[in-house]
Amino acid sequence: QVQLVESGGGLVQPGGSLRLSCAASGFAFSSYAMAWFRQAPGKEREFVAAISWSGGRTYYLDSVKGRFIISRDNAKKSVYLQMNSLKPEDTAVYYCNADGGSIATMRRRADQYDYWGQGTQVTVSS
């Protein structure tokens, strides 16, 4: 049974940093590309960052490039999102998910996924 447990969110001031974690179980984690999505109030869930199964390739939404870093630890079956220089518009619930294909063909629409964890709330506010 697939399980994704996100953690690390919180309240941070603009310009601050947070590191999100996602612990995965129930599938062959080291063979899957992983992604982070986020959903702000009143908006659709959007694809934020992705990392290939090996960690060698990454993708970022334009608005987070240069500020966010995605990484993974296959031994710990975990994926991370280091978020720096946070802005109020980064406020959202953040979710991780997995795709058995390559990062190039990774599903990027939230409605293409059947399972979601509970997410972790990130609030950027002074």
Protein backbone atom coordinates (compact mmCIF):
# COMPACT_ATOMS: atom_id res chain seq x y z
CA GLN A 1 0.00 0.00 0.00
CA VAL A 2 1.45 3.33 -1.08
CA GLN A 3 2.06 5.80 1.73
CA LEU A 4 3.46 9.32 1.44
CA VAL A 5 3.94 11.33 4.62
CA GLU A 6 4.93 14.97 4.27
CA SER A 7 6.40 17.01 7.11
CA GLY A 8 8.45 20.10 7.86
CA GLY A 9 5.98 22.86 7.09
CA GLY A 10 5.31 25.83 9.32
CA LEU A 11 5.05 29.58 9.61
CA VAL A 12 8.04 31.55 8.32
CA GLN A 13 8.72 35.18 7.56
CA PRO A 14 9.33 36.38 4.00
CA GLY A 15 12.93 35.67 3.05
CA GLY A 16 13.11 32.72 5.41
CA SER A 17 13.77 29.03 4.74
CA LEU A 18 12.10 25.70 5.36
CA ARG A 19 13.02 22.12 4.52
CA LEU A 20 10.18 19.78 3.70
CA SER A 21 10.47 16.00 3.91
CA CYS A 22 8.42 13.21 2.39
CA ALA A 23 8.73 9.67 3.68
CA ALA A 24 7.56 7.04 1.21
CA SER A 25 6.63 3.39 1.58
CA GLY A 26 4.72 0.67 -0.22
CA PHE A 27 6.51 0.90 -3.58
CA ALA A 28 9.99 0.61 -5.08
CA PHE A 29 11.03 4.15 -4.17
CA SER A 30 14.48 4.05 -5.77
CA SER A 31 12.91 3.27 -9.17
CA TYR A 32 10.46 6.16 -9.14
CA ALA A 33 10.77 9.80 -10.10
CA MET A 34 9.45 11.99 -7.28
CA ALA A 35 7.75 15.36 -7.33
CA TRP A 36 6.50 18.10 -5.06
CA PHE A 37 3.16 19.80 -5.71
CA ARG A 38 1.48 22.64 -3.85
CA GLN A 39 -2.02 23.97 -3.48
CA ALA A 40 -2.72 27.52 -2.40
CA PRO A 41 -6.15 28.54 -1.09
CA GLY A 42 -8.64 28.80 -3.93
CA LYS A 43 -6.16 27.56 -6.52
CA GLU A 44 -5.49 24.29 -8.30
CA ARG A 45 -2.74 22.00 -7.13
CA GLU A 46 0.39 22.75 -9.15
CA PHE A 47 3.58 20.86 -10.00
CA VAL A 48 6.54 22.55 -8.31
CA ALA A 49 9.65 20.38 -8.61
CA ALA A 50 10.69 16.89 -9.65
CA ILE A 51 13.72 14.64 -9.37
CA SER A 52 14.68 11.55 -11.33
CA TRP A 53 15.01 8.15 -9.66
CA SER A 54 18.80 8.55 -9.45
CA GLY A 55 18.72 12.17 -8.37
CA GLY A 56 20.72 13.15 -11.41
CA ARG A 57 18.02 15.23 -13.10
CA THR A 58 15.72 17.84 -11.63
CA TYR A 59 12.94 20.12 -12.82
CA TYR A 60 11.57 23.32 -11.26
CA LEU A 61 8.58 25.56 -11.79
CA ASP A 62 9.91 28.88 -13.12
CA SER A 63 8.68 30.81 -10.09
CA VAL A 64 10.79 28.70 -7.69
CA LYS A 65 13.96 28.27 -9.77
CA GLY A 66 17.02 29.45 -7.87
CA ARG A 67 15.14 29.37 -4.55
CA PHE A 68 14.01 25.75 -4.11
CA ILE A 69 16.16 22.62 -4.23
CA ILE A 70 14.74 19.11 -4.52
CA SER A 71 16.81 16.15 -3.37
CA ARG A 72 16.33 12.54 -2.37
CA ASP A 73 17.84 9.78 -0.26
CA ASN A 74 16.97 6.39 -1.73
CA ALA A 75 18.33 4.56 1.30
CA LYS A 76 15.88 6.43 3.51
CA LYS A 77 13.07 6.34 0.92
CA SER A 78 12.69 10.06 1.31
CA VAL A 79 12.50 13.15 -0.86
CA TYR A 80 13.17 16.68 0.33
CA LEU A 81 12.41 20.23 -0.71
CA GLN A 82 14.73 22.95 0.57
CA MET A 83 12.90 26.24 0.22
CA ASN A 84 14.88 29.45 0.50
CA SER A 85 14.02 33.13 0.04
CA LEU A 86 10.39 32.30 0.70
CA LYS A 87 7.69 34.67 -0.52
CA PRO A 88 4.08 35.11 0.61
CA GLU A 89 2.99 33.59 -2.71
CA ASP A 90 4.70 30.33 -1.70
CA THR A 91 2.01 29.88 0.96
CA ALA A 92 0.28 26.58 0.25
CA VAL A 93 -0.14 23.00 1.34
CA TYR A 94 2.77 21.03 -0.10
CA TYR A 95 2.46 17.42 -1.25
CA CYS A 96 4.85 14.84 -2.69
CA ASN A 97 4.05 12.13 -5.19
CA ALA A 98 5.71 9.42 -7.23
CA ASP A 99 5.76 8.43 -10.89
CA GLY A 100 7.11 5.16 -12.26
CA GLY A 101 8.23 6.75 -15.52
CA SER A 102 11.17 9.01 -16.27
CA ILE A 103 11.36 12.64 -15.16
CA ALA A 104 10.90 13.65 -18.81
CA THR A 105 7.51 11.93 -19.04
CA MET A 106 6.45 12.50 -15.45
CA ARG A 107 2.77 13.31 -14.96
CA ARG A 108 2.49 17.00 -14.11
CA ARG A 109 -1.24 17.39 -13.55
CA ALA A 110 -2.55 16.66 -10.08
CA ASP A 111 -5.66 14.95 -11.46
CA GLN A 112 -3.43 12.29 -13.00
CA TYR A 113 -2.59 10.92 -9.56
CA ASP A 114 -4.93 8.66 -7.57
CA TYR A 115 -3.27 8.89 -4.17
CA TRP A 116 -2.14 11.83 -2.05
CA GLY A 117 -0.75 12.13 1.42
CA GLN A 118 -2.03 14.65 3.94
CA GLY A 119 0.39 17.37 2.87
CA THR A 120 2.21 19.90 5.02
CA GLN A 121 1.16 23.53 5.41
CA VAL A 122 3.66 26.27 4.57
CA THR A 123 2.69 29.81 5.51
CA VAL A 124 4.92 32.74 4.58
CA SER A 125 3.86 35.85 6.42
CA SER A 126 5.28 38.65 8.51
